PDB file of all heavy atoms in Angstrom:
ATOM      1  N   ILE A   1     -44.691  12.234 -23.620  1.00  0.00           N
ATOM      2  CA  ILE A   1     -45.795  12.065 -22.674  1.00  0.00           C
ATOM      3  C   ILE A   1     -46.181  10.592 -22.550  1.00  0.00           C
ATOM      4  O   ILE A   1     -46.307  10.041 -21.449  1.00  0.00           O
ATOM      5  CB  ILE A   1     -47.012  12.891 -23.116  1.00  0.00           C
ATOM      6  CG1 ILE A   1     -46.718  14.392 -22.985  1.00  0.00           C
ATOM      7  CG2 ILE A   1     -48.248  12.530 -22.275  1.00  0.00           C
ATOM      8  CD1 ILE A   1     -47.778  15.287 -23.637  1.00  0.00           C
ATOM      9  N   ILE A   2     -46.378   9.934 -23.680  1.00  0.00           N
ATOM     10  CA  ILE A   2     -46.807   8.532 -23.675  1.00  0.00           C
ATOM     11  C   ILE A   2     -45.702   7.631 -23.122  1.00  0.00           C
ATOM     12  O   ILE A   2     -45.961   6.735 -22.296  1.00  0.00           O
ATOM     13  CB  ILE A   2     -47.209   8.079 -25.087  1.00  0.00           C
ATOM     14  CG1 ILE A   2     -48.435   8.853 -25.582  1.00  0.00           C
ATOM     15  CG2 ILE A   2     -47.483   6.577 -25.117  1.00  0.00           C
ATOM     16  CD1 ILE A   2     -49.699   8.601 -24.792  1.00  0.00           C
ATOM     17  N   ASN A   3     -44.473   7.866 -23.553  1.00  0.00           N
ATOM     18  CA  ASN A   3     -43.378   6.999 -23.123  1.00  0.00           C
ATOM     19  C   ASN A   3     -43.122   7.112 -21.622  1.00  0.00           C
ATOM     20  O   ASN A   3     -42.780   6.118 -20.968  1.00  0.00           O
ATOM     21  CB  ASN A   3     -42.106   7.336 -23.902  1.00  0.00           C
ATOM     22  CG  ASN A   3     -41.043   6.276 -23.736  1.00  0.00           C
ATOM     23  OD1 ASN A   3     -41.330   5.086 -23.803  1.00  0.00           O
ATOM     24  ND2 ASN A   3     -39.804   6.692 -23.511  1.00  0.00           N
ATOM     25  N   ASP A   4     -43.300   8.307 -21.068  1.00  0.00           N
ATOM     26  CA  ASP A   4     -43.113   8.471 -19.622  1.00  0.00           C
ATOM     27  C   ASP A   4     -44.114   7.608 -18.850  1.00  0.00           C
ATOM     28  O   ASP A   4     -43.771   7.018 -17.818  1.00  0.00           O
ATOM     29  CB  ASP A   4     -43.281   9.939 -19.236  1.00  0.00           C
ATOM     30  CG  ASP A   4     -43.079  10.174 -17.747  1.00  0.00           C
ATOM     31  OD1 ASP A   4     -41.965   9.940 -17.246  1.00  0.00           O
ATOM     32  OD2 ASP A   4     -44.061  10.567 -17.072  1.00  0.00           O
ATOM     33  N   ILE A   5     -45.334   7.512 -19.374  1.00  0.00           N
ATOM     34  CA  ILE A   5     -46.336   6.665 -18.714  1.00  0.00           C
ATOM     35  C   ILE A   5     -45.968   5.190 -18.882  1.00  0.00           C
ATOM     36  O   ILE A   5     -46.108   4.392 -17.945  1.00  0.00           O
ATOM     37  CB  ILE A   5     -47.730   6.946 -19.293  1.00  0.00           C
ATOM     38  CG1 ILE A   5     -48.122   8.405 -19.030  1.00  0.00           C
ATOM     39  CG2 ILE A   5     -48.774   5.998 -18.684  1.00  0.00           C
ATOM     40  CD1 ILE A   5     -49.344   8.867 -19.798  1.00  0.00           C
ATOM     41  N   TYR A   6     -45.480   4.813 -20.063  1.00  0.00           N
ATOM     42  CA  TYR A   6     -45.049   3.429 -20.272  1.00  0.00           C
ATOM     43  C   TYR A   6     -43.944   3.040 -19.285  1.00  0.00           C
ATOM     44  O   TYR A   6     -43.908   1.912 -18.789  1.00  0.00           O
ATOM     45  CB  TYR A   6     -44.542   3.241 -21.694  1.00  0.00           C
ATOM     46  CG  TYR A   6     -45.624   3.155 -22.748  1.00  0.00           C
ATOM     47  CD1 TYR A   6     -45.353   3.468 -24.077  1.00  0.00           C
ATOM     48  CD2 TYR A   6     -46.916   2.747 -22.433  1.00  0.00           C
ATOM     49  CE1 TYR A   6     -46.336   3.379 -25.059  1.00  0.00           C
ATOM     50  CE2 TYR A   6     -47.910   2.668 -23.401  1.00  0.00           C
ATOM     51  CZ  TYR A   6     -47.601   2.984 -24.717  1.00  0.00           C
ATOM     52  OH  TYR A   6     -48.579   2.895 -25.680  1.00  0.00           O
ATOM     53  N   LEU A   7     -43.076   3.989 -19.001  1.00  0.00           N
ATOM     54  CA  LEU A   7     -41.929   3.692 -18.140  1.00  0.00           C
ATOM     55  C   LEU A   7     -42.263   3.793 -16.651  1.00  0.00           C
ATOM     56  O   LEU A   7     -41.716   3.049 -15.839  1.00  0.00           O
ATOM     57  CB  LEU A   7     -40.774   4.635 -18.461  1.00  0.00           C
ATOM     58  CG  LEU A   7     -40.150   4.494 -19.853  1.00  0.00           C
ATOM     59  CD1 LEU A   7     -39.089   5.571 -20.071  1.00  0.00           C
ATOM     60  CD2 LEU A   7     -39.550   3.110 -20.051  1.00  0.00           C
ATOM     61  N   ASN A   8     -43.171   4.705 -16.284  1.00  0.00           N
ATOM     62  CA  ASN A   8     -43.374   5.010 -14.870  1.00  0.00           C
ATOM     63  C   ASN A   8     -44.810   4.870 -14.374  1.00  0.00           C
ATOM     64  O   ASN A   8     -45.061   5.000 -13.179  1.00  0.00           O
ATOM     65  CB  ASN A   8     -42.899   6.445 -14.582  1.00  0.00           C
ATOM     66  CG  ASN A   8     -41.439   6.659 -14.960  1.00  0.00           C
ATOM     67  OD1 ASN A   8     -40.556   5.961 -14.469  1.00  0.00           O
ATOM     68  ND2 ASN A   8     -41.183   7.613 -15.856  1.00  0.00           N
ATOM     69  N   GLY A   9     -45.755   4.640 -15.279  1.00  0.00           N
ATOM     70  CA  GLY A   9     -47.156   4.568 -14.868  1.00  0.00           C
ATOM     71  C   GLY A   9     -47.539   3.230 -14.273  1.00  0.00           C
ATOM     72  O   GLY A   9     -46.793   2.241 -14.349  1.00  0.00           O
ATOM     73  N   SER A  10     -48.729   3.194 -13.684  1.00  0.00           N
ATOM     74  CA  SER A  10     -49.284   1.946 -13.168  1.00  0.00           C
ATOM     75  C   SER A  10     -49.753   1.087 -14.345  1.00  0.00           C
ATOM     76  O   SER A  10     -49.880   1.581 -15.468  1.00  0.00           O
ATOM     77  CB  SER A  10     -50.474   2.253 -12.253  1.00  0.00           C
ATOM     78  OG  SER A  10     -51.566   2.756 -13.025  1.00  0.00           O
ATOM     79  N   PRO A  11     -50.033  -0.187 -14.122  1.00  0.00           N
ATOM     80  CA  PRO A  11     -50.520  -1.030 -15.223  1.00  0.00           C
ATOM     81  C   PRO A  11     -51.752  -0.461 -15.929  1.00  0.00           C
ATOM     82  O   PRO A  11     -51.834  -0.490 -17.156  1.00  0.00           O
ATOM     83  CB  PRO A  11     -50.835  -2.356 -14.528  1.00  0.00           C
ATOM     84  CG  PRO A  11     -49.850  -2.415 -13.410  1.00  0.00           C
ATOM     85  CD  PRO A  11     -49.755  -0.998 -12.918  1.00  0.00           C
ATOM     86  N   LEU A  12     -52.706   0.085 -15.176  1.00  0.00           N
ATOM     87  CA  LEU A  12     -53.897   0.643 -15.811  1.00  0.00           C
ATOM     88  C   LEU A  12     -53.584   1.952 -16.533  1.00  0.00           C
ATOM     89  O   LEU A  12     -54.142   2.229 -17.600  1.00  0.00           O
ATOM     90  CB  LEU A  12     -55.008   0.856 -14.781  1.00  0.00           C
ATOM     91  CG  LEU A  12     -55.706  -0.407 -14.277  1.00  0.00           C
ATOM     92  CD1 LEU A  12     -56.834  -0.049 -13.314  1.00  0.00           C
ATOM     93  CD2 LEU A  12     -56.250  -1.249 -15.426  1.00  0.00           C
ATOM     94  N   GLN A  13     -52.704   2.757 -15.976  1.00  0.00           N
ATOM     95  CA  GLN A  13     -52.298   3.990 -16.664  1.00  0.00           C
ATOM     96  C   GLN A  13     -51.609   3.672 -17.988  1.00  0.00           C
ATOM     97  O   GLN A  13     -51.819   4.366 -18.990  1.00  0.00           O
ATOM     98  CB  GLN A  13     -51.381   4.811 -15.762  1.00  0.00           C
ATOM     99  CG  GLN A  13     -52.094   5.492 -14.611  1.00  0.00           C
ATOM    100  CD  GLN A  13     -51.146   6.217 -13.675  1.00  0.00           C
ATOM    101  OE1 GLN A  13     -49.978   5.828 -13.517  1.00  0.00           O
ATOM    102  NE2 GLN A  13     -51.636   7.262 -13.030  1.00  0.00           N
ATOM    103  N   ARG A  14     -50.812   2.624 -18.007  1.00  0.00           N
ATOM    104  CA  ARG A  14     -50.135   2.243 -19.251  1.00  0.00           C
ATOM    105  C   ARG A  14     -51.152   1.805 -20.305  1.00  0.00           C
ATOM    106  O   ARG A  14     -50.978   2.079 -21.500  1.00  0.00           O
ATOM    107  CB  ARG A  14     -49.110   1.134 -18.974  1.00  0.00           C
ATOM    108  CG  ARG A  14     -47.934   1.589 -18.119  1.00  0.00           C
ATOM    109  CD  ARG A  14     -46.763   0.629 -18.180  1.00  0.00           C
ATOM    110  NE  ARG A  14     -47.042  -0.656 -17.569  1.00  0.00           N
ATOM    111  CZ  ARG A  14     -46.746  -0.979 -16.317  1.00  0.00           C
ATOM    112  NH1 ARG A  14     -46.177  -0.072 -15.521  1.00  0.00           N
ATOM    113  NH2 ARG A  14     -47.005  -2.183 -15.847  1.00  0.00           N
ATOM    114  N   LYS A  15     -52.207   1.138 -19.874  1.00  0.00           N
ATOM    115  CA  LYS A  15     -53.253   0.741 -20.823  1.00  0.00           C
ATOM    116  C   LYS A  15     -53.983   1.963 -21.368  1.00  0.00           C
ATOM    117  O   LYS A  15     -54.317   2.021 -22.561  1.00  0.00           O
ATOM    118  CB  LYS A  15     -54.223  -0.237 -20.159  1.00  0.00           C
ATOM    119  CG  LYS A  15     -53.629  -1.623 -19.897  1.00  0.00           C
ATOM    120  CD  LYS A  15     -54.646  -2.547 -19.261  1.00  0.00           C
ATOM    121  CE  LYS A  15     -54.098  -3.965 -19.085  1.00  0.00           C
ATOM    122  NZ  LYS A  15     -53.013  -4.027 -18.090  1.00  0.00           N
ATOM    123  N   VAL A  16     -54.246   2.933 -20.515  1.00  0.00           N
ATOM    124  CA  VAL A  16     -54.887   4.172 -20.975  1.00  0.00           C
ATOM    125  C   VAL A  16     -54.012   4.850 -22.027  1.00  0.00           C
ATOM    126  O   VAL A  16     -54.498   5.262 -23.093  1.00  0.00           O
ATOM    127  CB  VAL A  16     -55.134   5.133 -19.797  1.00  0.00           C
ATOM    128  CG1 VAL A  16     -55.591   6.502 -20.310  1.00  0.00           C
ATOM    129  CG2 VAL A  16     -56.184   4.565 -18.844  1.00  0.00           C
ATOM    130  N   ALA A  17     -52.727   4.966 -21.738  1.00  0.00           N
ATOM    131  CA  ALA A  17     -51.804   5.611 -22.676  1.00  0.00           C
ATOM    132  C   ALA A  17     -51.779   4.870 -24.006  1.00  0.00           C
ATOM    133  O   ALA A  17     -51.761   5.491 -25.078  1.00  0.00           O
ATOM    134  CB  ALA A  17     -50.398   5.669 -22.068  1.00  0.00           C
ATOM    135  N   SER A  18     -51.788   3.552 -23.941  1.00  0.00           N
ATOM    136  CA  SER A  18     -51.752   2.750 -25.164  1.00  0.00           C
ATOM    137  C   SER A  18     -53.015   2.949 -25.986  1.00  0.00           C
ATOM    138  O   SER A  18     -52.964   3.100 -27.213  1.00  0.00           O
ATOM    139  CB  SER A  18     -51.577   1.271 -24.815  1.00  0.00           C
ATOM    140  OG  SER A  18     -51.459   0.500 -25.982  1.00  0.00           O
ATOM    141  N   VAL A  19     -54.171   2.956 -25.334  1.00  0.00           N
ATOM    142  CA  VAL A  19     -55.432   3.170 -26.043  1.00  0.00           C
ATOM    143  C   VAL A  19     -55.470   4.555 -26.665  1.00  0.00           C
ATOM    144  O   VAL A  19     -55.912   4.727 -27.813  1.00  0.00           O
ATOM    145  CB  VAL A  19     -56.632   2.958 -25.097  1.00  0.00           C
ATOM    146  CG1 VAL A  19     -57.925   3.439 -25.748  1.00  0.00           C
ATOM    147  CG2 VAL A  19     -56.753   1.491 -24.718  1.00  0.00           C
ATOM    148  N   PHE A  20     -54.985   5.562 -25.946  1.00  0.00           N
ATOM    149  CA  PHE A  20     -54.974   6.912 -26.503  1.00  0.00           C
ATOM    150  C   PHE A  20     -54.048   7.006 -27.709  1.00  0.00           C
ATOM    151  O   PHE A  20     -54.330   7.731 -28.662  1.00  0.00           O
ATOM    152  CB  PHE A  20     -54.561   7.921 -25.435  1.00  0.00           C
ATOM    153  CG  PHE A  20     -55.642   8.230 -24.431  1.00  0.00           C
ATOM    154  CD1 PHE A  20     -55.367   8.959 -23.285  1.00  0.00           C
ATOM    155  CD2 PHE A  20     -56.943   7.799 -24.629  1.00  0.00           C
ATOM    156  CE1 PHE A  20     -56.361   9.252 -22.365  1.00  0.00           C
ATOM    157  CE2 PHE A  20     -57.955   8.074 -23.712  1.00  0.00           C
ATOM    158  CZ  PHE A  20     -57.656   8.810 -22.572  1.00  0.00           C
ATOM    159  N   LEU A  21     -52.952   6.273 -27.684  1.00  0.00           N
ATOM    160  CA  LEU A  21     -52.059   6.273 -28.847  1.00  0.00           C
ATOM    161  C   LEU A  21     -52.732   5.564 -30.019  1.00  0.00           C
ATOM    162  O   LEU A  21     -52.800   6.099 -31.129  1.00  0.00           O
ATOM    163  CB  LEU A  21     -50.729   5.600 -28.493  1.00  0.00           C
ATOM    164  CG  LEU A  21     -49.589   5.773 -29.500  1.00  0.00           C
ATOM    165  CD1 LEU A  21     -48.232   5.624 -28.815  1.00  0.00           C
ATOM    166  CD2 LEU A  21     -49.673   4.775 -30.646  1.00  0.00           C
ATOM    167  N   GLU A  22     -53.264   4.368 -29.771  1.00  0.00           N
ATOM    168  CA  GLU A  22     -53.855   3.544 -30.838  1.00  0.00           C
ATOM    169  C   GLU A  22     -55.124   4.168 -31.418  1.00  0.00           C
ATOM    170  O   GLU A  22     -55.348   4.126 -32.629  1.00  0.00           O
ATOM    171  CB  GLU A  22     -54.215   2.154 -30.287  1.00  0.00           C
ATOM    172  CG  GLU A  22     -53.057   1.347 -29.733  1.00  0.00           C
ATOM    173  CD  GLU A  22     -52.404   0.468 -30.768  1.00  0.00           C
ATOM    174  OE1 GLU A  22     -52.739   0.610 -31.949  1.00  0.00           O
ATOM    175  OE2 GLU A  22     -51.562  -0.359 -30.387  1.00  0.00           O
ATOM    176  N   SER A  23     -55.960   4.712 -30.557  1.00  0.00           N
ATOM    177  CA  SER A  23     -57.299   5.125 -30.968  1.00  0.00           C
ATOM    178  C   SER A  23     -57.462   6.627 -31.163  1.00  0.00           C
ATOM    179  O   SER A  23     -58.527   7.075 -31.603  1.00  0.00           O
ATOM    180  CB  SER A  23     -58.326   4.648 -29.921  1.00  0.00           C
ATOM    181  OG  SER A  23     -58.237   3.254 -29.725  1.00  0.00           O
ATOM    182  N   PHE A  24     -56.419   7.408 -30.843  1.00  0.00           N
ATOM    183  CA  PHE A  24     -56.524   8.869 -30.951  1.00  0.00           C
ATOM    184  C   PHE A  24     -55.341   9.504 -31.672  1.00  0.00           C
ATOM    185  O   PHE A  24     -55.503  10.167 -32.699  1.00  0.00           O
ATOM    186  CB  PHE A  24     -56.693   9.471 -29.549  1.00  0.00           C
ATOM    187  CG  PHE A  24     -56.599  10.967 -29.503  1.00  0.00           C
ATOM    188  CD1 PHE A  24     -57.479  11.756 -30.235  1.00  0.00           C
ATOM    189  CD2 PHE A  24     -55.632  11.593 -28.722  1.00  0.00           C
ATOM    190  CE1 PHE A  24     -57.393  13.153 -30.190  1.00  0.00           C
ATOM    191  CE2 PHE A  24     -55.539  12.975 -28.667  1.00  0.00           C
ATOM    192  CZ  PHE A  24     -56.416  13.760 -29.408  1.00  0.00           C
ATOM    193  N   LEU A  25     -54.130   9.294 -31.171  1.00  0.00           N
ATOM    194  CA  LEU A  25     -52.977  10.027 -31.688  1.00  0.00           C
ATOM    195  C   LEU A  25     -52.629   9.692 -33.134  1.00  0.00           C
ATOM    196  O   LEU A  25     -52.065  10.521 -33.847  1.00  0.00           O
ATOM    197  CB  LEU A  25     -51.751   9.787 -30.791  1.00  0.00           C
ATOM    198  CG  LEU A  25     -51.826  10.386 -29.386  1.00  0.00           C
ATOM    199  CD1 LEU A  25     -50.569  10.044 -28.593  1.00  0.00           C
ATOM    200  CD2 LEU A  25     -52.025  11.896 -29.434  1.00  0.00           C
ATOM    201  N   PHE A  26     -52.955   8.498 -33.578  1.00  0.00           N
ATOM    202  CA  PHE A  26     -52.671   8.134 -34.969  1.00  0.00           C
ATOM    203  C   PHE A  26     -53.512   8.944 -35.971  1.00  0.00           C
ATOM    204  O   PHE A  26     -53.142   9.088 -37.135  1.00  0.00           O
ATOM    205  CB  PHE A  26     -52.970   6.651 -35.211  1.00  0.00           C
ATOM    206  CG  PHE A  26     -51.903   5.711 -34.710  1.00  0.00           C
ATOM    207  CD1 PHE A  26     -52.250   4.633 -33.900  1.00  0.00           C
ATOM    208  CD2 PHE A  26     -50.579   5.871 -35.055  1.00  0.00           C
ATOM    209  CE1 PHE A  26     -51.285   3.748 -33.442  1.00  0.00           C
ATOM    210  CE2 PHE A  26     -49.609   4.990 -34.604  1.00  0.00           C
ATOM    211  CZ  PHE A  26     -49.966   3.930 -33.796  1.00  0.00           C
ATOM    212  N   TYR A  27     -54.642   9.452 -35.520  1.00  0.00           N
ATOM    213  CA  TYR A  27     -55.653   9.891 -36.487  1.00  0.00           C
ATOM    214  C   TYR A  27     -55.385  11.242 -37.139  1.00  0.00           C
ATOM    215  O   TYR A  27     -55.950  11.531 -38.203  1.00  0.00           O
ATOM    216  CB  TYR A  27     -57.037   9.816 -35.842  1.00  0.00           C
ATOM    217  CG  TYR A  27     -57.489   8.378 -35.754  1.00  0.00           C
ATOM    218  CD1 TYR A  27     -57.049   7.539 -34.730  1.00  0.00           C
ATOM    219  CD2 TYR A  27     -58.287   7.830 -36.745  1.00  0.00           C
ATOM    220  CE1 TYR A  27     -57.424   6.209 -34.680  1.00  0.00           C
ATOM    221  CE2 TYR A  27     -58.669   6.497 -36.703  1.00  0.00           C
ATOM    222  CZ  TYR A  27     -58.231   5.694 -35.669  1.00  0.00           C
ATOM    223  OH  TYR A  27     -58.589   4.368 -35.641  1.00  0.00           O
ATOM    224  N   SER A  28     -54.537  12.067 -36.562  1.00  0.00           N
ATOM    225  CA  SER A  28     -54.151  13.292 -37.270  1.00  0.00           C
ATOM    226  C   SER A  28     -53.394  12.929 -38.541  1.00  0.00           C
ATOM    227  O   SER A  28     -53.425  13.672 -39.528  1.00  0.00           O
ATOM    228  CB  SER A  28     -53.281  14.186 -36.372  1.00  0.00           C
ATOM    229  OG  SER A  28     -52.107  13.500 -35.960  1.00  0.00           O
ATOM    230  N   GLY A  29     -52.735  11.778 -38.532  1.00  0.00           N
ATOM    231  CA  GLY A  29     -52.038  11.296 -39.719  1.00  0.00           C
ATOM    232  C   GLY A  29     -52.938  10.497 -40.647  1.00  0.00           C
ATOM    233  O   GLY A  29     -52.848  10.611 -41.867  1.00  0.00           O
ATOM    234  N   PHE A  30     -53.847   9.703 -40.072  1.00  0.00           N
ATOM    235  CA  PHE A  30     -54.731   8.880 -40.901  1.00  0.00           C
ATOM    236  C   PHE A  30     -55.679   9.721 -41.754  1.00  0.00           C
ATOM    237  O   PHE A  30     -56.149   9.274 -42.802  1.00  0.00           O
ATOM    238  CB  PHE A  30     -55.564   7.944 -40.012  1.00  0.00           C
ATOM    239  CG  PHE A  30     -54.794   6.792 -39.420  1.00  0.00           C
ATOM    240  CD1 PHE A  30     -55.248   6.163 -38.264  1.00  0.00           C
ATOM    241  CD2 PHE A  30     -53.625   6.319 -40.004  1.00  0.00           C
ATOM    242  CE1 PHE A  30     -54.560   5.092 -37.714  1.00  0.00           C
ATOM    243  CE2 PHE A  30     -52.932   5.256 -39.462  1.00  0.00           C
ATOM    244  CZ  PHE A  30     -53.399   4.642 -38.314  1.00  0.00           C
ATOM    245  N   TYR A  31     -55.982  10.940 -41.310  1.00  0.00           N
ATOM    246  CA  TYR A  31     -56.900  11.794 -42.062  1.00  0.00           C
ATOM    247  C   TYR A  31     -56.444  11.950 -43.512  1.00  0.00           C
ATOM    248  O   TYR A  31     -57.259  11.857 -44.441  1.00  0.00           O
ATOM    249  CB  TYR A  31     -56.985  13.173 -41.402  1.00  0.00           C
ATOM    250  CG  TYR A  31     -57.940  14.127 -42.098  1.00  0.00           C
ATOM    251  CD1 TYR A  31     -59.245  14.276 -41.655  1.00  0.00           C
ATOM    252  CD2 TYR A  31     -57.535  14.877 -43.210  1.00  0.00           C
ATOM    253  CE1 TYR A  31     -60.130  15.144 -42.285  1.00  0.00           C
ATOM    254  CE2 TYR A  31     -58.406  15.740 -43.856  1.00  0.00           C
ATOM    255  CZ  TYR A  31     -59.693  15.870 -43.381  1.00  0.00           C
ATOM    256  OH  TYR A  31     -60.570  16.714 -44.022  1.00  0.00           O
ATOM    257  N   THR A  32     -55.151  12.170 -43.720  1.00  0.00           N
ATOM    258  CA  THR A  32     -54.635  12.474 -45.059  1.00  0.00           C
ATOM    259  C   THR A  32     -54.881  11.354 -46.067  1.00  0.00           C
ATOM    260  O   THR A  32     -55.471  11.593 -47.126  1.00  0.00           O
ATOM    261  CB  THR A  32     -53.131  12.813 -44.984  1.00  0.00           C
ATOM    262  OG1 THR A  32     -52.966  13.957 -44.143  1.00  0.00           O
ATOM    263  CG2 THR A  32     -52.566  13.114 -46.352  1.00  0.00           C
ATOM    264  N   PRO A  33     -54.449  10.114 -45.814  1.00  0.00           N
ATOM    265  CA  PRO A  33     -54.685   9.066 -46.816  1.00  0.00           C
ATOM    266  C   PRO A  33     -56.168   8.760 -47.001  1.00  0.00           C
ATOM    267  O   PRO A  33     -56.592   8.407 -48.107  1.00  0.00           O
ATOM    268  CB  PRO A  33     -53.929   7.854 -46.264  1.00  0.00           C
ATOM    269  CG  PRO A  33     -53.793   8.117 -44.805  1.00  0.00           C
ATOM    270  CD  PRO A  33     -53.650   9.601 -44.683  1.00  0.00           C
ATOM    271  N   LEU A  34     -56.977   8.891 -45.930  1.00  0.00           N
ATOM    272  CA  LEU A  34     -58.410   8.656 -46.074  1.00  0.00           C
ATOM    273  C   LEU A  34     -59.046   9.727 -46.959  1.00  0.00           C
ATOM    274  O   LEU A  34     -59.950   9.443 -47.749  1.00  0.00           O
ATOM    275  CB  LEU A  34     -59.086   8.629 -44.697  1.00  0.00           C
ATOM    276  CG  LEU A  34     -58.690   7.470 -43.772  1.00  0.00           C
ATOM    277  CD1 LEU A  34     -59.359   7.630 -42.415  1.00  0.00           C
ATOM    278  CD2 LEU A  34     -59.042   6.128 -44.396  1.00  0.00           C
ATOM    279  N   TYR A  35     -58.571  10.956 -46.833  1.00  0.00           N
ATOM    280  CA  TYR A  35     -59.063  12.043 -47.676  1.00  0.00           C
ATOM    281  C   TYR A  35     -58.720  11.786 -49.146  1.00  0.00           C
ATOM    282  O   TYR A  35     -59.564  11.946 -50.039  1.00  0.00           O
ATOM    283  CB  TYR A  35     -58.468  13.369 -47.212  1.00  0.00           C
ATOM    284  CG  TYR A  35     -58.902  14.561 -48.050  1.00  0.00           C
ATOM    285  CD1 TYR A  35     -60.096  15.230 -47.777  1.00  0.00           C
ATOM    286  CD2 TYR A  35     -58.121  15.001 -49.117  1.00  0.00           C
ATOM    287  CE1 TYR A  35     -60.500  16.307 -48.541  1.00  0.00           C
ATOM    288  CE2 TYR A  35     -58.520  16.082 -49.889  1.00  0.00           C
ATOM    289  CZ  TYR A  35     -59.716  16.735 -49.598  1.00  0.00           C
ATOM    290  OH  TYR A  35     -60.107  17.802 -50.371  1.00  0.00           O
ATOM    291  N   TYR A  36     -57.483  11.364 -49.389  1.00  0.00           N
ATOM    292  CA  TYR A  36     -57.085  11.076 -50.773  1.00  0.00           C
ATOM    293  C   TYR A  36     -57.844   9.873 -51.331  1.00  0.00           C
ATOM    294  O   TYR A  36     -58.235   9.863 -52.504  1.00  0.00           O
ATOM    295  CB  TYR A  36     -55.571  10.846 -50.855  1.00  0.00           C
ATOM    296  CG  TYR A  36     -54.771  12.127 -50.811  1.00  0.00           C
ATOM    297  CD1 TYR A  36     -53.787  12.329 -49.859  1.00  0.00           C
ATOM    298  CD2 TYR A  36     -55.001  13.141 -51.736  1.00  0.00           C
ATOM    299  CE1 TYR A  36     -53.066  13.518 -49.815  1.00  0.00           C
ATOM    300  CE2 TYR A  36     -54.284  14.324 -51.713  1.00  0.00           C
ATOM    301  CZ  TYR A  36     -53.321  14.507 -50.739  1.00  0.00           C
ATOM    302  OH  TYR A  36     -52.618  15.681 -50.708  1.00  0.00           O
ATOM    303  N   LEU A  37     -58.062   8.867 -50.498  1.00  0.00           N
ATOM    304  CA  LEU A  37     -58.820   7.702 -50.948  1.00  0.00           C
ATOM    305  C   LEU A  37     -60.211   8.114 -51.406  1.00  0.00           C
ATOM    306  O   LEU A  37     -60.694   7.675 -52.452  1.00  0.00           O
ATOM    307  CB  LEU A  37     -58.919   6.670 -49.816  1.00  0.00           C
ATOM    308  CG  LEU A  37     -59.773   5.431 -50.095  1.00  0.00           C
ATOM    309  CD1 LEU A  37     -59.172   4.597 -51.225  1.00  0.00           C
ATOM    310  CD2 LEU A  37     -59.922   4.585 -48.833  1.00  0.00           C
ATOM    311  N   GLY A  38     -60.850   8.982 -50.624  1.00  0.00           N
ATOM    312  CA  GLY A  38     -62.177   9.439 -50.966  1.00  0.00           C
ATOM    313  C   GLY A  38     -62.221  10.291 -52.212  1.00  0.00           C
ATOM    314  O   GLY A  38     -63.286  10.483 -52.814  1.00  0.00           O
ATOM    315  N   ASN A  39     -61.058  10.806 -52.620  1.00  0.00           N
ATOM    316  CA  ASN A  39     -60.954  11.595 -53.845  1.00  0.00           C
ATOM    317  C   ASN A  39     -60.233  10.825 -54.952  1.00  0.00           C
ATOM    318  O   ASN A  39     -59.733  11.423 -55.909  1.00  0.00           O
ATOM    319  CB  ASN A  39     -60.236  12.917 -53.550  1.00  0.00           C
ATOM    320  CG  ASN A  39     -61.112  13.885 -52.781  1.00  0.00           C
ATOM    321  OD1 ASN A  39     -61.968  14.558 -53.342  1.00  0.00           O
ATOM    322  ND2 ASN A  39     -60.916  13.951 -51.462  1.00  0.00           N
ATOM    323  N   SER A  40     -60.164   9.499 -54.783  1.00  0.00           N
ATOM    324  CA  SER A  40     -59.588   8.590 -55.795  1.00  0.00           C
ATOM    325  C   SER A  40     -58.141   8.920 -56.131  1.00  0.00           C
ATOM    326  O   SER A  40     -57.729   8.863 -57.287  1.00  0.00           O
ATOM    327  CB  SER A  40     -60.452   8.614 -57.069  1.00  0.00           C
ATOM    328  OG  SER A  40     -61.765   8.194 -56.788  1.00  0.00           O
ATOM    329  N   LYS A  41     -57.364   9.238 -55.100  1.00  0.00           N
ATOM    330  CA  LYS A  41     -55.934   9.478 -55.267  1.00  0.00           C
ATOM    331  C   LYS A  41     -55.162   8.589 -54.297  1.00  0.00           C
ATOM    332  O   LYS A  41     -55.627   8.305 -53.195  1.00  0.00           O
ATOM    333  CB  LYS A  41     -55.581  10.946 -54.992  1.00  0.00           C
ATOM    334  CG  LYS A  41     -56.220  11.951 -55.935  1.00  0.00           C
ATOM    335  CD  LYS A  41     -55.832  13.369 -55.535  1.00  0.00           C
ATOM    336  CE  LYS A  41     -56.489  14.412 -56.433  1.00  0.00           C
ATOM    337  NZ  LYS A  41     -56.134  15.797 -56.013  1.00  0.00           N
TER     338      LYS A  41
END
């Protein structure tokens, strides 16, 4: 989904896709290490 916008979207659409990747899509993964950090692991 994101790569298709990078390849075919308008300049503003590409920025939206990038922000959604940076500020949203990473966080399902970031939850895990933050949870362990809070539990001293």
